[in-house]
Amino acid sequence: MSDEKTPTGPGGDGSVPDDNHTGAYGQDPNAQQNPYGQDQPQAQNPYGQDQPQAQNPYGQDQPQAQQNPYGQNQPQNPYSQGQGPTDGYSQGAQAAGAYTQGAYSQGAQQSGNQSQAQAGYAPGAYPQNATPAGYPPQPGYPQQAGAQRQPMDPKKKKKIILFSALAAGLVLLLIIGSVVINVVNSTQYGPEATVRSYLTAISQGKASEANKLVDPGVTKNAAALLSDDVLGEAKAFMKNAKVTKVSTRGDSAYAEVSYSVDGTAFDDVLELSKDGKQGVFFDKWKLDKPLLSSVYVYTSQGTSVSVNGTDVDFGKNYELAAYPASYEIGAPEGDFFEAEAQTFVAGTGSKASYEAIDVELTPSEGLTKAVQEALNAHLDECATSTTDDPEGCGMYTGATYDFSSEPTMKYKVDKYPVVTVDESGRYFSTEGGKVTATATGTLYGGGTGTESYTTGTDWNLDGSIVIEEDEVTLEDIY
C-alpha cells in the first residue's frame, strides 16, 4: 500500500514492508494509527529497514494506538527546524508518529534526545516509562503525577490528626514542664531561695529559725546571743537584705549577699551544698556557713552584762557570736550595778567592726545596801562569840592580858560600821562602828572579876564582795 505521497525513508526504497516489517501505521490491526491524521504519509522505520518492529510499550495486547492529540488537521510540527513534514522528534526521519512503538525505549534515547534538542525540548523531558500528557495511565503501570489520588478514609484521617495532635501536645508539655521545673528550681528551691529564707529569719529577729537553717557551730555558752529573746529585742534589724550573685559549681554554691544595719552597709559570702531532693524534681540546698559576727565585751565587775534586756555571761574569753543587728549592752539586771548603755552594731564582711565594748559597771545604792545588810548580819553573828577577838569580826579587846586564864567574853554592838563600796564593786570598807565587850574570868590578883572593853568609834572593817545570782556574800573581812 503505497502511493506517490509516500516519502522515501532514509535507507529505504519506499516500498511497503512485508509482514515481518509492517510499518507502525499499516493496516495491521495491531498497528497504531497515524497520529497526524488519515492523510499523513506513513513514517518509515527510523532505525533502518532491517530494524525489527518496536514493540508496543503499553503491552502486546494493547489495542490501536491513541489518536493524534493535536487533531487531524495538525499543521507541520512547529518544533522542527526547517524539516518539512518530518516528525520533529527524529532528525531526517519520515513523519513517524510522536508516540510510535518503542519511541521512548532505551534504544531510541540518542535519536530522541537529538531531535528533542532541535525541537526545543531538553533531553530527558519525558522520564522512562512516563505516560505522555493527555494519555490515561495504562494497566500495570504506576499512576503518574497529576492523577487523582484516592481519598483517605475519614476515620483513619481523624485518628492520624488526633495522634499527631497528642504527640505534639506531649512534646509541648515536656518542654513547658522542663522550663517550669528549671524556673521553680532556681527561684523557690535553689541556693538563692535558701539564702533568702535565712536572711528573712534574721531580719525578723527569729534566731531559732535561723539556727535550724544552719548550725551556728559555736558552743552553748558562746551562743548566748543567738536566741529569740536577745535578737528579737534588737534596737535595729537587718534591712535591704539581697542576694547579689550566686555561683554554682556541681553540688556546691556560693551566694554573695548585701544588707544594712542602722545605716551601715555590710556584705558577706555564704557557702551552700546540695542536700538531696525535695518534691521529687527539685534540688534541696543547705547552708554550710552561718552569717555571724563576734561581739567582745569587757566589764569592770565579773563577766555578766545585759544585752537587749537579757543577762548573758561572756565568760573568760569575753566573746559571743551574734547575728547581724544592733545590740544595746549595759549593766546586768539587778540593783547592784549601774552602767551607761552602749550600742554595738554586729555586721560581717569588709565593714565589720571588731572593737571590744568596755562596760564600766558602777555599784549602785542597792549594792551598798546589800553589803551593809550582809555586814550587819555578820557582826551580829560575831557578837554571839564568847571568845576574845573572834575571827573576821575585828573585836579585839586585849582582855587576855588582864586575866590569868582566858576569860569569857560577851559582846554588844552599839553601832554598826557604815559600809562604803569601791568603784569596782568588788571591795568594801567601813567606819564609825562601836562595840562593847565584857570579859569575866580569874584575875591575876586572885578571885573572879569582870572587865569592860569598848572599841569606841575605831571599829572599822574591810573585805571583798562576792555576788552570785543576785546574792551578796562577804569574804576576807578583817
Foldseek 3Di string as FASTA:
>chain_A
DFDPPADAWVQGDSDQDDPQAHALCDPDQQHAHAQQADPAHGWDDNVHPVDGAAAAPQDSPDGHDDHNPCDNNDAAQPQADPDHNDPLQAPRTRNHHPRGHCCQPPVNQVRRQVSCVSSVHHRPPAPPPRDDPPDADHPPGDHDPPDDDDDDDVVVVVVVVVVVVVVVVVVVCVVVVVVVLVVCQCCCADPQNLVVVLLVCQQQLNLVVNCVQEPQPDDPQQAPCSHSLQSVLFPWGKPPKHFPDWDDDVFKIKTKIWIDEPRRIAIDIWIKGWDQADPVRHTHIGTHHGFKFKAAEAELEAQWKAKSQAIGGCPPRRMHIHHFYKIWIAHHDDQFWGWDIDIDGAGDHPPGDDDYHYTQIFTHVVLQVQVQVQLVVVLVVVQVQQFAPDPLNQRHFPCCVFAPDGWTKGKDWPARWRWDADGSRWKIKTWQTKMKMKTWHAGPVGDIDIDIGMPGRGRMKMFTWDADPNHIHTPDID
